[in-house]
Amino acid sequence: MERQMATIRAAGREPTVRDDDHDYLGDYRGASGDSGDEIWHLERGRGAIHISDNGCGTTGWLIVVGPHRGELRGRDCAVHPAFEPYVDGHGRRRTFGTWYLEWLERRETAIRQP
């Protein structure tokens, strides 16, 4: 959110009240015109790599910078919320490593079954 506010200020505008669903989308449109939507979407995904489309507008992301680096997060693209952590059955946050090892185990099990 701080980066979004800095981007708006760099365009010579003061951010308005944050919209919970769209995090200053109107400000981006006002500051950047037709490019506002594209810039807003790029800022929202900065520091994460889109790794999966999970159906019905939900997506999976690998966080690559910051304190949550290595964690997997999800997002419902229809409402553009913040990234939500993936958790295992014990409530622990999933990392790419834990997710990948579980995926390999499922594949190995599937191959061994007739």
PDB file of N, CA and C in Angstrom:
ATOM      1  N   MET A   1       0.823  -1.180   0.000  1.00  0.00           N
ATOM      2  CA  MET A   1       0.000   0.000   0.000  1.00  0.00           C
ATOM      3  C   MET A   1       0.875   1.255   0.000  1.00  0.00           C
ATOM      4  N   GLU A   2       1.980   1.245   0.732  1.00  0.00           N
ATOM      5  CA  GLU A   2       2.869   2.409   0.752  1.00  0.00           C
ATOM      6  C   GLU A   2       3.413   2.697  -0.642  1.00  0.00           C
ATOM      7  N   ARG A   3       3.746   1.630  -1.369  1.00  0.00           N
ATOM      8  CA  ARG A   3       4.273   1.812  -2.716  1.00  0.00           C
ATOM      9  C   ARG A   3       3.206   2.422  -3.617  1.00  0.00           C
ATOM     10  N   GLN A   4       1.954   1.987  -3.434  1.00  0.00           N
ATOM     11  CA  GLN A   4       0.875   2.553  -4.242  1.00  0.00           C
ATOM     12  C   GLN A   4       0.735   4.049  -3.971  1.00  0.00           C
ATOM     13  N   MET A   5       0.779   4.437  -2.717  1.00  0.00           N
ATOM     14  CA  MET A   5       0.662   5.858  -2.370  1.00  0.00           C
ATOM     15  C   MET A   5       1.835   6.650  -2.942  1.00  0.00           C
ATOM     16  N   ALA A   6       3.046   6.074  -2.898  1.00  0.00           N
ATOM     17  CA  ALA A   6       4.217   6.756  -3.450  1.00  0.00           C
ATOM     18  C   ALA A   6       4.082   6.937  -4.959  1.00  0.00           C
ATOM     19  N   THR A   7       3.536   5.942  -5.640  1.00  0.00           N
ATOM     20  CA  THR A   7       3.338   6.040  -7.092  1.00  0.00           C
ATOM     21  C   THR A   7       2.373   7.166  -7.425  1.00  0.00           C
ATOM     22  N   ILE A   8       1.291   7.264  -6.671  1.00  0.00           N
ATOM     23  CA  ILE A   8       0.301   8.325  -6.907  1.00  0.00           C
ATOM     24  C   ILE A   8       0.924   9.692  -6.641  1.00  0.00           C
ATOM     25  N   ARG A   9       1.679   9.808  -5.554  1.00  0.00           N
ATOM     26  CA  ARG A   9       2.319  11.088  -5.222  1.00  0.00           C
ATOM     27  C   ARG A   9       3.368  11.480  -6.262  1.00  0.00           C
ATOM     28  N   ALA A  10       4.079  10.487  -6.812  1.00  0.00           N
ATOM     29  CA  ALA A  10       5.081  10.777  -7.840  1.00  0.00           C
ATOM     30  C   ALA A  10       4.434  11.359  -9.093  1.00  0.00           C
ATOM     31  N   ALA A  11       3.152  11.061  -9.298  1.00  0.00           N
ATOM     32  CA  ALA A  11       2.416  11.612 -10.440  1.00  0.00           C
ATOM     33  C   ALA A  11       1.840  12.988 -10.114  1.00  0.00           C
ATOM     34  N   GLY A  12       2.168  13.518  -8.919  1.00  0.00           N
ATOM     35  CA  GLY A  12       1.735  14.853  -8.553  1.00  0.00           C
ATOM     36  C   GLY A  12       0.352  14.934  -7.945  1.00  0.00           C
ATOM     37  N   ARG A  13      -0.144  13.824  -7.418  1.00  0.00           N
ATOM     38  CA  ARG A  13      -1.478  13.809  -6.810  1.00  0.00           C
ATOM     39  C   ARG A  13      -1.380  13.287  -5.384  1.00  0.00           C
ATOM     40  N   GLU A  14      -2.316  13.684  -4.562  1.00  0.00           N
ATOM     41  CA  GLU A  14      -2.393  13.172  -3.190  1.00  0.00           C
ATOM     42  C   GLU A  14      -3.445  12.064  -3.171  1.00  0.00           C
ATOM     43  N   PRO A  15      -3.100  10.875  -2.620  1.00  0.00           N
ATOM     44  CA  PRO A  15      -4.075   9.778  -2.584  1.00  0.00           C
ATOM     45  C   PRO A  15      -5.332  10.163  -1.806  1.00  0.00           C
ATOM     46  N   THR A  16      -6.461   9.674  -2.273  1.00  0.00           N
ATOM     47  CA  THR A  16      -7.719   9.877  -1.564  1.00  0.00           C
ATOM     48  C   THR A  16      -7.881   8.762  -0.544  1.00  0.00           C
ATOM     49  N   VAL A  17      -9.049   8.633   0.005  1.00  0.00           N
ATOM     50  CA  VAL A  17      -9.318   7.578   0.981  1.00  0.00           C
ATOM     51  C   VAL A  17      -9.204   6.226   0.294  1.00  0.00           C
ATOM     52  N   ARG A  18      -8.527   5.308   0.958  1.00  0.00           N
ATOM     53  CA  ARG A  18      -8.315   3.974   0.403  1.00  0.00           C
ATOM     54  C   ARG A  18      -9.646   3.248   0.271  1.00  0.00           C
ATOM     55  N   ASP A  19      -9.872   2.670  -0.905  1.00  0.00           N
ATOM     56  CA  ASP A  19     -11.040   1.835  -1.165  1.00  0.00           C
ATOM     57  C   ASP A  19     -10.623   0.401  -0.858  1.00  0.00           C
ATOM     58  N   ASP A  20     -11.277  -0.257   0.087  1.00  0.00           N
ATOM     59  CA  ASP A  20     -10.877  -1.599   0.498  1.00  0.00           C
ATOM     60  C   ASP A  20     -10.826  -2.592  -0.649  1.00  0.00           C
ATOM     61  N   ASP A  21     -11.703  -2.447  -1.622  1.00  0.00           N
ATOM     62  CA  ASP A  21     -11.727  -3.401  -2.727  1.00  0.00           C
ATOM     63  C   ASP A  21     -10.725  -3.072  -3.821  1.00  0.00           C
ATOM     64  N   HIS A  22     -10.410  -1.792  -4.000  1.00  0.00           N
ATOM     65  CA  HIS A  22      -9.613  -1.425  -5.161  1.00  0.00           C
ATOM     66  C   HIS A  22      -8.349  -0.634  -4.861  1.00  0.00           C
ATOM     67  N   ASP A  23      -8.017  -0.399  -3.608  1.00  0.00           N
ATOM     68  CA  ASP A  23      -6.751   0.247  -3.243  1.00  0.00           C
ATOM     69  C   ASP A  23      -6.328   1.367  -4.190  1.00  0.00           C
ATOM     70  N   TYR A  24      -7.045   2.459  -4.162  1.00  0.00           N
ATOM     71  CA  TYR A  24      -6.670   3.669  -4.897  1.00  0.00           C
ATOM     72  C   TYR A  24      -6.783   3.561  -6.416  1.00  0.00           C
ATOM     73  N   LEU A  25      -7.588   2.651  -6.935  1.00  0.00           N
ATOM     74  CA  LEU A  25      -7.717   2.515  -8.387  1.00  0.00           C
ATOM     75  C   LEU A  25      -8.161   3.827  -9.025  1.00  0.00           C
ATOM     76  N   GLY A  26      -9.109   4.521  -8.417  1.00  0.00           N
ATOM     77  CA  GLY A  26      -9.561   5.805  -8.953  1.00  0.00           C
ATOM     78  C   GLY A  26      -8.435   6.821  -9.037  1.00  0.00           C
ATOM     79  N   ASP A  27      -7.554   6.822  -8.035  1.00  0.00           N
ATOM     80  CA  ASP A  27      -6.406   7.729  -8.044  1.00  0.00           C
ATOM     81  C   ASP A  27      -5.437   7.385  -9.176  1.00  0.00           C
ATOM     82  N   TYR A  28      -5.227   6.097  -9.408  1.00  0.00           N
ATOM     83  CA  TYR A  28      -4.356   5.688 -10.511  1.00  0.00           C
ATOM     84  C   TYR A  28      -4.937   6.146 -11.841  1.00  0.00           C
ATOM     85  N   ARG A  29      -6.247   5.998 -11.998  1.00  0.00           N
ATOM     86  CA  ARG A  29      -6.894   6.440 -13.237  1.00  0.00           C
ATOM     87  C   ARG A  29      -6.762   7.951 -13.403  1.00  0.00           C
ATOM     88  N   GLY A  30      -6.943   8.698 -12.317  1.00  0.00           N
ATOM     89  CA  GLY A  30      -6.825  10.148 -12.388  1.00  0.00           C
ATOM     90  C   GLY A  30      -5.410  10.608 -12.693  1.00  0.00           C
ATOM     91  N   ALA A  31      -4.426   9.921 -12.138  1.00  0.00           N
ATOM     92  CA  ALA A  31      -3.031  10.315 -12.327  1.00  0.00           C
ATOM     93  C   ALA A  31      -2.462   9.861 -13.664  1.00  0.00           C
ATOM     94  N   SER A  32      -2.952   8.731 -14.177  1.00  0.00           N
ATOM     95  CA  SER A  32      -2.325   8.137 -15.363  1.00  0.00           C
ATOM     96  C   SER A  32      -3.259   7.972 -16.548  1.00  0.00           C
ATOM     97  N   GLY A  33      -4.487   8.421 -16.426  1.00  0.00           N
ATOM     98  CA  GLY A  33      -5.422   8.325 -17.544  1.00  0.00           C
ATOM     99  C   GLY A  33      -5.690   6.888 -17.944  1.00  0.00           C
ATOM    100  N   ASP A  34      -5.620   6.629 -19.254  1.00  0.00           N
ATOM    101  CA  ASP A  34      -5.927   5.297 -19.774  1.00  0.00           C
ATOM    102  C   ASP A  34      -4.965   4.222 -19.279  1.00  0.00           C
ATOM    103  N   SER A  35      -3.773   4.603 -18.870  1.00  0.00           N
ATOM    104  CA  SER A  35      -2.786   3.637 -18.374  1.00  0.00           C
ATOM    105  C   SER A  35      -2.994   3.300 -16.901  1.00  0.00           C
ATOM    106  N   GLY A  36      -3.901   3.995 -16.229  1.00  0.00           N
ATOM    107  CA  GLY A  36      -4.087   3.820 -14.791  1.00  0.00           C
ATOM    108  C   GLY A  36      -4.390   2.404 -14.366  1.00  0.00           C
ATOM    109  N   ASP A  37      -5.283   1.718 -15.098  1.00  0.00           N
ATOM    110  CA  ASP A  37      -5.631   0.343 -14.729  1.00  0.00           C
ATOM    111  C   ASP A  37      -4.417  -0.579 -14.820  1.00  0.00           C
ATOM    112  N   GLU A  38      -3.657  -0.455 -15.905  1.00  0.00           N
ATOM    113  CA  GLU A  38      -2.490  -1.320 -16.090  1.00  0.00           C
ATOM    114  C   GLU A  38      -1.447  -1.068 -15.005  1.00  0.00           C
ATOM    115  N   ILE A  39      -1.179   0.194 -14.700  1.00  0.00           N
ATOM    116  CA  ILE A  39      -0.198   0.527 -13.660  1.00  0.00           C
ATOM    117  C   ILE A  39      -0.667   0.008 -12.307  1.00  0.00           C
ATOM    118  N   TRP A  40      -1.959   0.163 -12.013  1.00  0.00           N
ATOM    119  CA  TRP A  40      -2.520  -0.312 -10.747  1.00  0.00           C
ATOM    120  C   TRP A  40      -2.336  -1.820 -10.607  1.00  0.00           C
ATOM    121  N   HIS A  41      -2.633  -2.569 -11.681  1.00  0.00           N
ATOM    122  CA  HIS A  41      -2.487  -4.029 -11.627  1.00  0.00           C
ATOM    123  C   HIS A  41      -1.025  -4.431 -11.443  1.00  0.00           C
ATOM    124  N   LEU A  42      -0.120  -3.744 -12.104  1.00  0.00           N
ATOM    125  CA  LEU A  42       1.304  -4.051 -11.945  1.00  0.00           C
ATOM    126  C   LEU A  42       1.770  -3.789 -10.516  1.00  0.00           C
ATOM    127  N   GLU A  43       1.342  -2.683  -9.921  1.00  0.00           N
ATOM    128  CA  GLU A  43       1.719  -2.364  -8.543  1.00  0.00           C
ATOM    129  C   GLU A  43       1.177  -3.406  -7.569  1.00  0.00           C
ATOM    130  N   ARG A  44      -0.047  -3.877  -7.798  1.00  0.00           N
ATOM    131  CA  ARG A  44      -0.660  -4.851  -6.886  1.00  0.00           C
ATOM    132  C   ARG A  44       0.081  -6.179  -6.899  1.00  0.00           C
ATOM    133  N   GLY A  45       0.706  -6.529  -8.007  1.00  0.00           N
ATOM    134  CA  GLY A  45       1.403  -7.806  -8.099  1.00  0.00           C
ATOM    135  C   GLY A  45       2.906  -7.716  -7.915  1.00  0.00           C
ATOM    136  N   ARG A  46       3.414  -6.523  -7.640  1.00  0.00           N
ATOM    137  CA  ARG A  46       4.859  -6.343  -7.484  1.00  0.00           C
ATOM    138  C   ARG A  46       5.359  -7.208  -6.333  1.00  0.00           C
ATOM    139  N   GLY A  47       6.460  -7.935  -6.576  1.00  0.00           N
ATOM    140  CA  GLY A  47       7.043  -8.780  -5.538  1.00  0.00           C
ATOM    141  C   GLY A  47       6.466 -10.179  -5.499  1.00  0.00           C
ATOM    142  N   ALA A  48       5.634 -10.514  -6.491  1.00  0.00           N
ATOM    143  CA  ALA A  48       5.024 -11.842  -6.539  1.00  0.00           C
ATOM    144  C   ALA A  48       5.022 -12.340  -7.979  1.00  0.00           C
ATOM    145  N   ILE A  49       5.087 -13.659  -8.130  1.00  0.00           N
ATOM    146  CA  ILE A  49       5.040 -14.283  -9.452  1.00  0.00           C
ATOM    147  C   ILE A  49       3.763 -15.101  -9.545  1.00  0.00           C
ATOM    148  N   HIS A  50       2.986 -14.835 -10.565  1.00  0.00           N
ATOM    149  CA  HIS A  50       1.749 -15.577 -10.806  1.00  0.00           C
ATOM    150  C   HIS A  50       2.129 -16.989 -11.243  1.00  0.00           C
ATOM    151  N   ILE A  51       1.714 -18.009 -10.477  1.00  0.00           N
ATOM    152  CA  ILE A  51       2.115 -19.381 -10.802  1.00  0.00           C
ATOM    153  C   ILE A  51       0.962 -20.288 -11.184  1.00  0.00           C
ATOM    154  N   SER A  52      -0.286 -19.878 -10.911  1.00  0.00           N
ATOM    155  CA  SER A  52      -1.389 -20.773 -11.281  1.00  0.00           C
ATOM    156  C   SER A  52      -2.705 -20.029 -11.413  1.00  0.00           C
ATOM    157  N   ASP A  53      -3.533 -20.560 -12.303  1.00  0.00           N
ATOM    158  CA  ASP A  53      -4.934 -20.160 -12.390  1.00  0.00           C
ATOM    159  C   ASP A  53      -5.716 -21.313 -11.791  1.00  0.00           C
ATOM    160  N   ASN A  54      -6.466 -21.042 -10.741  1.00  0.00           N
ATOM    161  CA  ASN A  54      -7.145 -22.099 -10.000  1.00  0.00           C
ATOM    162  C   ASN A  54      -8.616 -22.232 -10.347  1.00  0.00           C
ATOM    163  N   GLY A  55      -9.069 -21.506 -11.341  1.00  0.00           N
ATOM    164  CA  GLY A  55     -10.467 -21.566 -11.748  1.00  0.00           C
ATOM    165  C   GLY A  55     -11.310 -20.525 -11.044  1.00  0.00           C
ATOM    166  N   CYS A  56     -12.386 -20.137 -11.688  1.00  0.00           N
ATOM    167  CA  CYS A  56     -13.353 -19.174 -11.135  1.00  0.00           C
ATOM    168  C   CYS A  56     -12.699 -17.857 -10.703  1.00  0.00           C
ATOM    169  N   GLY A  57     -11.646 -17.449 -11.396  1.00  0.00           N
ATOM    170  CA  GLY A  57     -11.017 -16.168 -11.101  1.00  0.00           C
ATOM    171  C   GLY A  57     -10.036 -16.177  -9.952  1.00  0.00           C
ATOM    172  N   THR A  58      -9.741 -17.343  -9.398  1.00  0.00           N
ATOM    173  CA  THR A  58      -8.760 -17.396  -8.314  1.00  0.00           C
ATOM    174  C   THR A  58      -7.393 -17.750  -8.890  1.00  0.00           C
ATOM    175  N   THR A  59      -6.361 -17.163  -8.320  1.00  0.00           N
ATOM    176  CA  THR A  59      -5.007 -17.358  -8.815  1.00  0.00           C
ATOM    177  C   THR A  59      -4.056 -17.658  -7.669  1.00  0.00           C
ATOM    178  N   GLY A  60      -2.960 -18.331  -7.989  1.00  0.00           N
ATOM    179  CA  GLY A  60      -1.920 -18.635  -7.019  1.00  0.00           C
ATOM    180  C   GLY A  60      -0.666 -17.839  -7.327  1.00  0.00           C
ATOM    181  N   TRP A  61       0.021 -17.382  -6.288  1.00  0.00           N
ATOM    182  CA  TRP A  61       1.188 -16.520  -6.433  1.00  0.00           C
ATOM    183  C   TRP A  61       2.310 -16.989  -5.517  1.00  0.00           C
ATOM    184  N   LEU A  62       3.542 -16.868  -5.977  1.00  0.00           N
ATOM    185  CA  LEU A  62       4.722 -17.113  -5.166  1.00  0.00           C
ATOM    186  C   LEU A  62       5.291 -15.750  -4.782  1.00  0.00           C
ATOM    187  N   ILE A  63       5.387 -15.490  -3.490  1.00  0.00           N
ATOM    188  CA  ILE A  63       5.937 -14.226  -3.006  1.00  0.00           C
ATOM    189  C   ILE A  63       7.461 -14.329  -3.078  1.00  0.00           C
ATOM    190  N   VAL A  64       8.110 -13.354  -3.729  1.00  0.00           N
ATOM    191  CA  VAL A  64       9.552 -13.453  -3.964  1.00  0.00           C
ATOM    192  C   VAL A  64      10.378 -12.384  -3.247  1.00  0.00           C
ATOM    193  N   VAL A  65       9.747 -11.431  -2.579  1.00  0.00           N
ATOM    194  CA  VAL A  65      10.488 -10.415  -1.825  1.00  0.00           C
ATOM    195  C   VAL A  65       9.795 -10.171  -0.490  1.00  0.00           C
ATOM    196  N   GLY A  66      10.529  -9.590   0.427  1.00  0.00           N
ATOM    197  CA  GLY A  66       9.934  -9.197   1.699  1.00  0.00           C
ATOM    198  C   GLY A  66       9.893 -10.305   2.723  1.00  0.00           C
ATOM    199  N   PRO A  67       9.239 -10.050   3.846  1.00  0.00           N
ATOM    200  CA  PRO A  67       9.236 -10.998   4.959  1.00  0.00           C
ATOM    201  C   PRO A  67       8.491 -12.297   4.662  1.00  0.00           C
ATOM    202  N   HIS A  68       7.667 -12.324   3.641  1.00  0.00           N
ATOM    203  CA  HIS A  68       6.915 -13.537   3.310  1.00  0.00           C
ATOM    204  C   HIS A  68       7.479 -14.242   2.080  1.00  0.00           C
ATOM    205  N   ARG A  69       8.716 -13.899   1.735  1.00  0.00           N
ATOM    206  CA  ARG A  69       9.370 -14.506   0.577  1.00  0.00           C
ATOM    207  C   ARG A  69       9.330 -16.027   0.684  1.00  0.00           C
ATOM    208  N   GLY A  70       8.961 -16.680  -0.419  1.00  0.00           N
ATOM    209  CA  GLY A  70       8.901 -18.133  -0.463  1.00  0.00           C
ATOM    210  C   GLY A  70       7.531 -18.706  -0.155  1.00  0.00           C
ATOM    211  N   GLU A  71       6.627 -17.882   0.366  1.00  0.00           N
ATOM    212  CA  GLU A  71       5.276 -18.362   0.680  1.00  0.00           C
ATOM    213  C   GLU A  71       4.403 -18.360  -0.566  1.00  0.00           C
ATOM    214  N   LEU A  72       3.420 -19.253  -0.548  1.00  0.00           N
ATOM    215  CA  LEU A  72       2.405 -19.266  -1.589  1.00  0.00           C
ATOM    216  C   LEU A  72       1.199 -18.501  -1.087  1.00  0.00           C
ATOM    217  N   ARG A  73       0.629 -17.697  -1.966  1.00  0.00           N
ATOM    218  CA  ARG A  73      -0.539 -16.897  -1.614  1.00  0.00           C
ATOM    219  C   ARG A  73      -1.571 -17.011  -2.721  1.00  0.00           C
ATOM    220  N   GLY A  74      -2.817 -16.788  -2.368  1.00  0.00           N
ATOM    221  CA  GLY A  74      -3.894 -16.814  -3.343  1.00  0.00           C
ATOM    222  C   GLY A  74      -4.578 -15.469  -3.435  1.00  0.00           C
ATOM    223  N   ARG A  75      -5.282 -15.275  -4.550  1.00  0.00           N
ATOM    224  CA  ARG A  75      -6.033 -14.034  -4.740  1.00  0.00           C
ATOM    225  C   ARG A  75      -7.245 -14.333  -5.608  1.00  0.00           C
ATOM    226  N   ASP A  76      -8.373 -13.754  -5.220  1.00  0.00           N
ATOM    227  CA  ASP A  76      -9.586 -13.816  -6.030  1.00  0.00           C
ATOM    228  C   ASP A  76      -9.575 -12.590  -6.927  1.00  0.00           C
ATOM    229  N   CYS A  77      -9.287 -12.794  -8.195  1.00  0.00           N
ATOM    230  CA  CYS A  77      -9.110 -11.659  -9.118  1.00  0.00           C
ATOM    231  C   CYS A  77     -10.387 -10.866  -9.340  1.00  0.00           C
ATOM    232  N   ALA A  78     -11.531 -11.434  -9.050  1.00  0.00           N
ATOM    233  CA  ALA A  78     -12.785 -10.708  -9.257  1.00  0.00           C
ATOM    234  C   ALA A  78     -12.920  -9.538  -8.292  1.00  0.00           C
ATOM    235  N   VAL A  79     -12.392  -9.671  -7.087  1.00  0.00           N
ATOM    236  CA  VAL A  79     -12.536  -8.605  -6.092  1.00  0.00           C
ATOM    237  C   VAL A  79     -11.206  -7.961  -5.700  1.00  0.00           C
ATOM    238  N   HIS A  80     -10.084  -8.474  -6.202  1.00  0.00           N
ATOM    239  CA  HIS A  80      -8.750  -7.905  -5.986  1.00  0.00           C
ATOM    240  C   HIS A  80      -8.388  -7.665  -4.520  1.00  0.00           C
ATOM    241  N   PRO A  81      -8.555  -8.678  -3.655  1.00  0.00           N
ATOM    242  CA  PRO A  81      -8.135  -8.471  -2.266  1.00  0.00           C
ATOM    243  C   PRO A  81      -6.617  -8.586  -2.154  1.00  0.00           C
ATOM    244  N   ALA A  82      -6.139  -8.369  -0.986  1.00  0.00           N
ATOM    245  CA  ALA A  82      -4.709  -8.620  -0.748  1.00  0.00           C
ATOM    246  C   ALA A  82      -4.437 -10.108  -0.918  1.00  0.00           C
ATOM    247  N   PHE A  83      -3.170 -10.482  -1.084  1.00  0.00           N
ATOM    248  CA  PHE A  83      -2.822 -11.892  -1.192  1.00  0.00           C
ATOM    249  C   PHE A  83      -3.167 -12.596   0.118  1.00  0.00           C
ATOM    250  N   GLU A  84      -3.823 -13.738   0.027  1.00  0.00           N
ATOM    251  CA  GLU A  84      -4.167 -14.528   1.211  1.00  0.00           C
ATOM    252  C   GLU A  84      -3.230 -15.727   1.295  1.00  0.00           C
ATOM    253  N   PRO A  85      -2.633 -15.999   2.459  1.00  0.00           N
ATOM    254  CA  PRO A  85      -1.693 -17.115   2.564  1.00  0.00           C
ATOM    255  C   PRO A  85      -2.376 -18.463   2.357  1.00  0.00           C
ATOM    256  N   TYR A  86      -1.670 -19.368   1.681  1.00  0.00           N
ATOM    257  CA  TYR A  86      -2.095 -20.763   1.621  1.00  0.00           C
ATOM    258  C   TYR A  86      -1.633 -21.399   2.932  1.00  0.00           C
ATOM    259  N   VAL A  87      -2.471 -22.196   3.544  1.00  0.00           N
ATOM    260  CA  VAL A  87      -2.097 -22.878   4.782  1.00  0.00           C
ATOM    261  C   VAL A  87      -2.350 -24.368   4.637  1.00  0.00           C
ATOM    262  N   ASP A  88      -1.595 -25.165   5.402  1.00  0.00           N
ATOM    263  CA  ASP A  88      -1.806 -26.609   5.383  1.00  0.00           C
ATOM    264  C   ASP A  88      -2.882 -26.979   6.399  1.00  0.00           C
ATOM    265  N   GLY A  89      -3.108 -28.262   6.601  1.00  0.00           N
ATOM    266  CA  GLY A  89      -4.133 -28.737   7.516  1.00  0.00           C
ATOM    267  C   GLY A  89      -3.894 -28.371   8.969  1.00  0.00           C
ATOM    268  N   HIS A  90      -2.674 -27.946   9.286  1.00  0.00           N
ATOM    269  CA  HIS A  90      -2.327 -27.553  10.655  1.00  0.00           C
ATOM    270  C   HIS A  90      -2.281 -26.036  10.823  1.00  0.00           C
ATOM    271  N   GLY A  91      -2.682 -25.306   9.787  1.00  0.00           N
ATOM    272  CA  GLY A  91      -2.689 -23.850   9.860  1.00  0.00           C
ATOM    273  C   GLY A  91      -1.349 -23.192   9.587  1.00  0.00           C
ATOM    274  N   ARG A  92      -0.343 -23.992   9.181  1.00  0.00           N
ATOM    275  CA  ARG A  92       0.975 -23.431   8.868  1.00  0.00           C
ATOM    276  C   ARG A  92       0.973 -22.893   7.442  1.00  0.00           C
ATOM    277  N   ARG A  93       1.641 -21.770   7.259  1.00  0.00           N
ATOM    278  CA  ARG A  93       1.719 -21.187   5.921  1.00  0.00           C
ATOM    279  C   ARG A  93       2.529 -22.089   4.999  1.00  0.00           C
ATOM    280  N   ARG A  94       2.039 -22.224   3.774  1.00  0.00           N
ATOM    281  CA  ARG A  94       2.698 -23.082   2.794  1.00  0.00           C
ATOM    282  C   ARG A  94       3.790 -22.306   2.078  1.00  0.00           C
ATOM    283  N   THR A  95       4.940 -22.931   1.967  1.00  0.00           N
ATOM    284  CA  THR A  95       6.019 -22.368   1.165  1.00  0.00           C
ATOM    285  C   THR A  95       6.043 -23.102  -0.158  1.00  0.00           C
ATOM    286  N   PHE A  96       6.789 -22.569  -1.099  1.00  0.00           N
ATOM    287  CA  PHE A  96       6.906 -23.254  -2.376  1.00  0.00           C
ATOM    288  C   PHE A  96       7.513 -24.635  -2.166  1.00  0.00           C
ATOM    289  N   GLY A  97       8.513 -24.732  -1.292  1.00  0.00           N
ATOM    290  CA  GLY A  97       9.160 -26.013  -1.024  1.00  0.00           C
ATOM    291  C   GLY A  97       8.213 -27.055  -0.464  1.00  0.00           C
ATOM    292  N   THR A  98       7.402 -26.698   0.540  1.00  0.00           N
ATOM    293  CA  THR A  98       6.472 -27.679   1.114  1.00  0.00           C
ATOM    294  C   THR A  98       5.400 -28.062   0.106  1.00  0.00           C
ATOM    295  N   TRP A  99       4.919 -27.087  -0.647  1.00  0.00           N
ATOM    296  CA  TRP A  99       3.914 -27.380  -1.667  1.00  0.00           C
ATOM    297  C   TRP A  99       4.482 -28.322  -2.718  1.00  0.00           C
ATOM    298  N   TYR A 100       5.698 -28.066  -3.185  1.00  0.00           N
ATOM    299  CA  TYR A 100       6.307 -28.867  -4.241  1.00  0.00           C
ATOM    300  C   TYR A 100       6.552 -30.298  -3.768  1.00  0.00           C
ATOM    301  N   LEU A 101       7.051 -30.486  -2.550  1.00  0.00           N
ATOM    302  CA  LEU A 101       7.283 -31.837  -2.036  1.00  0.00           C
ATOM    303  C   LEU A 101       5.979 -32.619  -1.915  1.00  0.00           C
ATOM    304  N   GLU A 102       4.916 -31.963  -1.452  1.00  0.00           N
ATOM    305  CA  GLU A 102       3.615 -32.640  -1.377  1.00  0.00           C
ATOM    306  C   GLU A 102       3.109 -32.999  -2.768  1.00  0.00           C
ATOM    307  N   TRP A 103       3.313 -32.127  -3.732  1.00  0.00           N
ATOM    308  CA  TRP A 103       2.901 -32.394  -5.104  1.00  0.00           C
ATOM    309  C   TRP A 103       3.660 -33.606  -5.657  1.00  0.00           C
ATOM    310  N   LEU A 104       4.978 -33.668  -5.415  1.00  0.00           N
ATOM    311  CA  LEU A 104       5.768 -34.813  -5.869  1.00  0.00           C
ATOM    312  C   LEU A 104       5.275 -36.112  -5.245  1.00  0.00           C
ATOM    313  N   GLU A 105       4.971 -36.087  -3.950  1.00  0.00           N
ATOM    314  CA  GLU A 105       4.463 -37.287  -3.282  1.00  0.00           C
ATOM    315  C   GLU A 105       3.155 -37.757  -3.910  1.00  0.00           C
ATOM    316  N   ARG A 106       2.264 -36.827  -4.220  1.00  0.00           N
ATOM    317  CA  ARG A 106       0.994 -37.203  -4.862  1.00  0.00           C
ATOM    318  C   ARG A 106       1.237 -37.803  -6.241  1.00  0.00           C
ATOM    319  N   ARG A 107       2.166 -37.246  -6.997  1.00  0.00           N
ATOM    320  CA  ARG A 107       2.476 -37.770  -8.334  1.00  0.00           C
ATOM    321  C   ARG A 107       3.073 -39.170  -8.224  1.00  0.00           C
ATOM    322  N   GLU A 108       4.004 -39.367  -7.288  1.00  0.00           N
ATOM    323  CA  GLU A 108       4.618 -40.681  -7.107  1.00  0.00           C
ATOM    324  C   GLU A 108       3.576 -41.718  -6.714  1.00  0.00           C
ATOM    325  N   THR A 109       2.678 -41.353  -5.820  1.00  0.00           N
ATOM    326  CA  THR A 109       1.610 -42.268  -5.406  1.00  0.00           C
ATOM    327  C   THR A 109       0.729 -42.620  -6.595  1.00  0.00           C
ATOM    328  N   ALA A 110       0.386 -41.654  -7.399  1.00  0.00           N
ATOM    329  CA  ALA A 110      -0.471 -41.897  -8.563  1.00  0.00           C
ATOM    330  C   ALA A 110       0.213 -42.819  -9.569  1.00  0.00           C
ATOM    331  N   ILE A 111       1.520 -42.679  -9.748  1.00  0.00           N
ATOM    332  CA  ILE A 111       2.254 -43.518 -10.700  1.00  0.00           C
ATOM    333  C   ILE A 111       2.329 -44.956 -10.208  1.00  0.00           C
ATOM    334  N   ARG A 112       2.476 -45.162  -8.919  1.00  0.00           N
ATOM    335  CA  ARG A 112       2.610 -46.505  -8.349  1.00  0.00           C
ATOM    336  C   ARG A 112       1.304 -47.287  -8.363  1.00  0.00           C
ATOM    337  N   GLN A 113       0.194 -46.607  -8.388  1.00  0.00           N
ATOM    338  CA  GLN A 113      -1.099 -47.297  -8.379  1.00  0.00           C
ATOM    339  C   GLN A 113      -1.413 -47.807  -9.778  1.00  0.00           C
ATOM    340  N   PRO A 114      -1.919 -49.062  -9.855  1.00  0.00           N
ATOM    341  CA  PRO A 114      -2.227 -49.633 -11.185  1.00  0.00           C
ATOM    342  C   PRO A 114      -3.392 -48.953 -11.861  1.00  0.00           C
TER     343      PRO A 114
END
